[in-house]
Amino acid sequence: MLGEAFAECGFDVATFDVVPAGHADAPDLDVTFPDPRAYDVLVPLGASWPVYGGALRWVDAEMAMMRDAAAAGVATLGVCFGGQLLAQAFGGTVSRSPAPEIGWYEVASADEDLVPGGRWFQWHFDRWTVPPGATEIARTADASQAFVLGRTLALQFHPELDEAVLETWLAADRDGDVVGLGLSADELRAATTELTPDAALRIRRLVRGFTRRLVRSAVPELM
């Protein structure tokens, strides 16, 4: 849904796999990232590994790309792992959370035009501290959920989650994250079927707000 929302705002969407399929068990690769100056927006997404600890040699390279993007005035929207990378790249911290979040959580927003509040999907075991100079604009009871710093917007939740994405993640849950938190796959499926239509509307508001305020591109008016 995230790519669709950007496409509706007039963007062409290109994807870059940091860890290609088949390397999930050996993700410590040498990665050469694209030049961010070739793009209007970067959207670093989620991952199955923590951003800290030095186990992944490409983490430093991706953070360098983010800092290069900021220096060049390229807007960045980081999602979950991508948002945590933004926090860490610009002086915040990321560490294990005492209260992991998996499922649909109520997110309170102080800036509805940029990050609409409501129930958003979560799947994370870490949380950030907001970097110096950033403004936190959304949170749950247990974790910061969004901050703005310059032309970057970091999100802890997953606005892109729909039923198809959920099935992919459930199939990849080899460590039993869902069961470990006392949940069931069927509970997540039922909630996702119920809540995705509303999330699909709010993700379009979020992307339009992001592009208007941080990308400063001409985008179509809300329907």
Protein backbone atom coordinates (compact mmCIF):
# COMPACT_ATOMS: atom_id res chain seq x y z
CA MET A 1 0.00 0.00 0.00
CA LEU A 2 2.93 2.34 0.58
CA GLY A 3 4.15 2.09 -3.01
CA GLU A 4 0.62 2.60 -4.29
CA ALA A 5 0.25 5.75 -2.19
CA PHE A 6 3.46 7.22 -3.61
CA ALA A 7 2.42 6.27 -7.15
CA GLU A 8 -0.87 8.09 -6.66
CA CYS A 9 1.17 11.17 -5.76
CA GLY A 10 2.96 10.99 -9.09
CA PHE A 11 6.16 9.15 -8.11
CA ASP A 12 7.82 6.32 -10.00
CA VAL A 13 8.79 3.63 -7.48
CA ALA A 14 12.04 1.66 -7.70
CA THR A 15 13.03 -1.02 -5.18
CA PHE A 16 16.44 -2.07 -3.87
CA ASP A 17 16.91 -5.29 -1.91
CA VAL A 18 19.60 -4.83 0.71
CA VAL A 19 19.57 -8.54 1.61
CA PRO A 20 18.42 -10.57 -1.42
CA ALA A 21 16.01 -13.46 -1.07
CA GLY A 22 17.84 -16.57 0.02
CA HIS A 23 20.29 -14.73 2.29
CA ALA A 24 18.08 -14.39 5.37
CA ASP A 25 20.34 -16.78 7.30
CA ALA A 26 23.51 -15.01 6.16
CA PRO A 27 22.62 -11.31 5.95
CA ASP A 28 26.08 -9.89 6.69
CA LEU A 29 26.87 -8.87 3.13
CA ASP A 30 28.87 -6.17 1.42
CA VAL A 31 26.29 -3.78 -0.03
CA THR A 32 26.79 -0.83 -2.33
CA PHE A 33 23.84 1.51 -1.91
CA PRO A 34 22.50 3.77 -4.67
CA ASP A 35 23.43 7.44 -4.76
CA PRO A 36 20.54 9.12 -2.91
CA ARG A 37 20.89 12.22 -5.08
CA ALA A 38 19.36 10.25 -7.94
CA TYR A 39 16.00 10.17 -6.12
CA ASP A 40 13.41 12.56 -4.77
CA VAL A 41 12.56 10.33 -1.78
CA LEU A 42 14.14 7.41 0.04
CA VAL A 43 11.93 4.92 1.90
CA PRO A 44 14.06 2.49 3.96
CA LEU A 45 11.81 -0.32 5.14
CA GLY A 46 11.85 -3.06 7.77
CA ALA A 47 14.20 -5.95 8.46
CA SER A 48 14.43 -9.00 10.68
CA TRP A 49 17.61 -7.93 12.47
CA PRO A 50 18.52 -5.21 15.00
CA VAL A 51 20.20 -2.03 13.76
CA TYR A 52 22.70 -2.09 16.65
CA GLY A 53 25.46 -4.47 17.67
CA GLY A 54 27.66 -4.31 14.60
CA ALA A 55 26.58 -7.72 13.28
CA LEU A 56 25.61 -6.33 9.86
CA ARG A 57 28.40 -4.57 8.00
CA TRP A 58 25.95 -2.77 5.67
CA VAL A 59 24.21 -0.90 8.50
CA ASP A 60 26.92 1.77 8.60
CA ALA A 61 26.74 2.12 4.80
CA GLU A 62 22.98 2.57 4.89
CA MET A 63 23.23 5.19 7.62
CA ALA A 64 25.88 7.00 5.57
CA MET A 65 23.45 7.01 2.64
CA MET A 66 20.80 8.55 4.91
CA ARG A 67 23.16 11.29 6.04
CA ASP A 68 24.18 11.94 2.43
CA ALA A 69 20.51 12.20 1.50
CA ALA A 70 19.88 14.72 4.26
CA ALA A 71 22.90 16.79 3.23
CA ALA A 72 21.61 16.82 -0.37
CA GLY A 73 18.07 17.79 0.65
CA VAL A 74 16.57 14.41 -0.33
CA ALA A 75 13.55 13.53 1.83
CA THR A 76 13.53 10.20 3.68
CA LEU A 77 10.63 8.22 5.12
CA GLY A 78 11.97 5.43 7.36
CA VAL A 79 9.68 2.57 8.39
CA CYS A 80 10.36 0.38 11.48
CA PHE A 81 14.00 -0.78 10.96
CA GLY A 82 14.35 2.16 8.55
CA GLY A 83 13.04 4.55 11.20
CA GLN A 84 15.38 3.09 13.79
CA LEU A 85 18.28 3.57 11.38
CA LEU A 86 17.33 7.23 11.03
CA ALA A 87 17.32 7.61 14.81
CA GLN A 88 20.72 5.95 15.14
CA ALA A 89 22.23 7.76 12.14
CA PHE A 90 21.43 11.19 13.57
CA GLY A 91 22.47 10.75 17.18
CA GLY A 92 19.61 8.87 18.83
CA THR A 93 19.87 5.38 20.29
CA VAL A 94 18.17 2.07 19.56
CA SER A 95 17.91 -0.74 22.09
CA ARG A 96 15.79 -3.70 23.11
CA SER A 97 12.36 -2.65 24.26
CA PRO A 98 10.96 -4.01 27.53
CA ALA A 99 7.55 -4.11 25.83
CA PRO A 100 7.68 -5.56 22.28
CA GLU A 101 4.71 -4.75 20.04
CA ILE A 102 3.14 -7.13 17.53
CA GLY A 103 -0.34 -6.45 16.19
CA TRP A 104 -2.58 -3.43 15.81
CA TYR A 105 -1.90 -0.68 18.37
CA GLU A 106 -3.50 2.68 18.95
CA VAL A 107 -1.04 5.39 17.97
CA ALA A 108 -1.61 8.89 19.37
CA SER A 109 -0.45 11.68 17.07
CA ALA A 110 0.33 15.32 17.81
CA ASP A 111 0.36 16.11 14.08
CA GLU A 112 -2.60 14.49 12.32
CA ASP A 113 -1.81 16.20 9.02
CA LEU A 114 1.52 14.39 8.82
CA VAL A 115 0.95 11.16 10.75
CA PRO A 116 -2.75 10.34 11.21
CA GLY A 117 -3.44 8.70 14.54
CA GLY A 118 -5.40 5.49 14.94
CA ARG A 119 -4.61 1.80 14.96
CA TRP A 120 -1.44 0.93 13.03
CA PHE A 121 0.29 -2.42 12.70
CA GLN A 122 3.44 -3.11 14.73
CA TRP A 123 6.08 -5.85 14.67
CA HIS A 124 9.17 -4.79 16.58
CA PHE A 125 11.28 -5.73 19.59
CA ASP A 126 13.44 -2.59 19.70
CA ARG A 127 12.71 1.09 20.23
CA TRP A 128 14.56 4.34 19.67
CA THR A 129 15.32 7.50 21.55
CA VAL A 130 14.58 10.58 19.47
CA PRO A 131 17.78 12.11 18.04
CA PRO A 132 18.88 15.64 19.02
CA GLY A 133 16.92 18.34 17.22
CA ALA A 134 14.10 16.00 16.19
CA THR A 135 10.45 16.42 17.17
CA GLU A 136 8.46 13.40 18.31
CA ILE A 137 4.97 13.54 16.84
CA ALA A 138 3.45 10.13 17.65
CA ARG A 139 3.73 7.35 20.21
CA THR A 140 2.05 4.41 21.89
CA ALA A 141 2.13 3.81 25.63
CA ASP A 142 5.41 1.90 25.30
CA ALA A 143 7.34 3.39 22.39
CA SER A 144 7.95 6.48 20.32
CA GLN A 145 6.23 5.97 16.95
CA ALA A 146 7.21 8.93 14.76
CA PHE A 147 9.61 11.84 14.68
CA VAL A 148 10.55 14.56 12.21
CA LEU A 149 14.09 15.82 11.69
CA GLY A 150 14.65 18.20 8.80
CA ARG A 151 13.26 16.48 5.72
CA THR A 152 13.16 13.05 7.34
CA LEU A 153 10.16 11.30 8.89
CA ALA A 154 10.72 8.14 10.94
CA LEU A 155 7.89 5.70 11.66
CA GLN A 156 8.07 2.79 14.11
CA PHE A 157 4.82 1.22 12.91
CA HIS A 158 4.16 -0.46 9.56
CA PRO A 159 1.71 1.56 7.43
CA GLU A 160 2.30 -0.81 4.49
CA LEU A 161 0.83 -3.86 6.21
CA ASP A 162 -2.13 -5.50 4.48
CA GLU A 163 -3.42 -9.08 4.41
CA ALA A 164 -0.92 -10.27 1.79
CA VAL A 165 2.06 -8.75 3.62
CA LEU A 166 0.88 -10.27 6.90
CA GLU A 167 0.80 -13.76 5.37
CA THR A 168 4.38 -13.32 4.16
CA TRP A 169 5.54 -12.28 7.63
CA LEU A 170 3.65 -15.08 9.38
CA ALA A 171 5.27 -17.62 7.06
CA ALA A 172 8.69 -16.16 7.91
CA ASP A 173 8.10 -16.19 11.69
CA ARG A 174 10.45 -19.10 12.36
CA ASP A 175 11.33 -17.84 15.84
CA GLY A 176 7.74 -17.91 17.02
CA ASP A 177 7.45 -14.18 17.72
CA VAL A 178 3.65 -14.24 17.50
CA VAL A 179 3.13 -17.20 19.83
CA GLY A 180 5.82 -15.89 22.16
CA LEU A 181 3.72 -12.79 22.84
CA GLY A 182 0.60 -14.85 23.51
CA LEU A 183 -0.99 -14.11 20.14
CA SER A 184 -2.29 -16.30 17.35
CA ALA A 185 -2.00 -15.97 13.60
CA ASP A 186 -5.78 -16.12 13.26
CA GLU A 187 -6.20 -13.19 15.68
CA LEU A 188 -3.81 -11.10 13.61
CA ARG A 189 -5.56 -12.13 10.39
CA ALA A 190 -8.99 -11.17 11.72
CA ALA A 191 -7.80 -7.78 13.00
CA THR A 192 -5.99 -7.08 9.72
CA THR A 193 -9.07 -7.89 7.64
CA GLU A 194 -11.09 -5.51 9.82
CA LEU A 195 -8.61 -2.63 10.02
CA THR A 196 -6.81 -2.59 6.66
CA PRO A 197 -9.50 -0.57 4.81
CA ASP A 198 -9.18 2.32 7.26
CA ALA A 199 -5.38 2.05 7.33
CA ALA A 200 -5.38 2.24 3.51
CA LEU A 201 -7.09 5.63 3.70
CA ARG A 202 -4.75 6.92 6.41
CA ILE A 203 -1.59 5.79 4.62
CA ARG A 204 -2.62 7.95 1.67
CA ARG A 205 -3.09 10.91 3.99
CA LEU A 206 0.31 10.18 5.53
CA VAL A 207 2.13 10.03 2.19
CA ARG A 208 0.41 13.17 0.91
CA GLY A 209 1.29 15.01 4.11
CA PHE A 210 4.88 13.81 3.87
CA THR A 211 5.27 14.85 0.25
CA ARG A 212 3.64 18.25 0.74
CA ARG A 213 5.60 19.18 3.83
CA LEU A 214 8.96 17.44 3.46
CA VAL A 215 9.36 16.67 -0.24
CA ARG A 216 7.62 19.88 -1.35
CA SER A 217 6.34 18.24 -4.50
CA ALA A 218 3.10 19.08 -6.26
CA VAL A 219 0.70 16.28 -5.39
CA PRO A 220 -2.99 15.76 -6.13
CA GLU A 221 -5.58 16.98 -3.66
CA LEU A 222 -7.19 14.47 -1.32
CA MET A 223 -10.22 12.82 -2.81
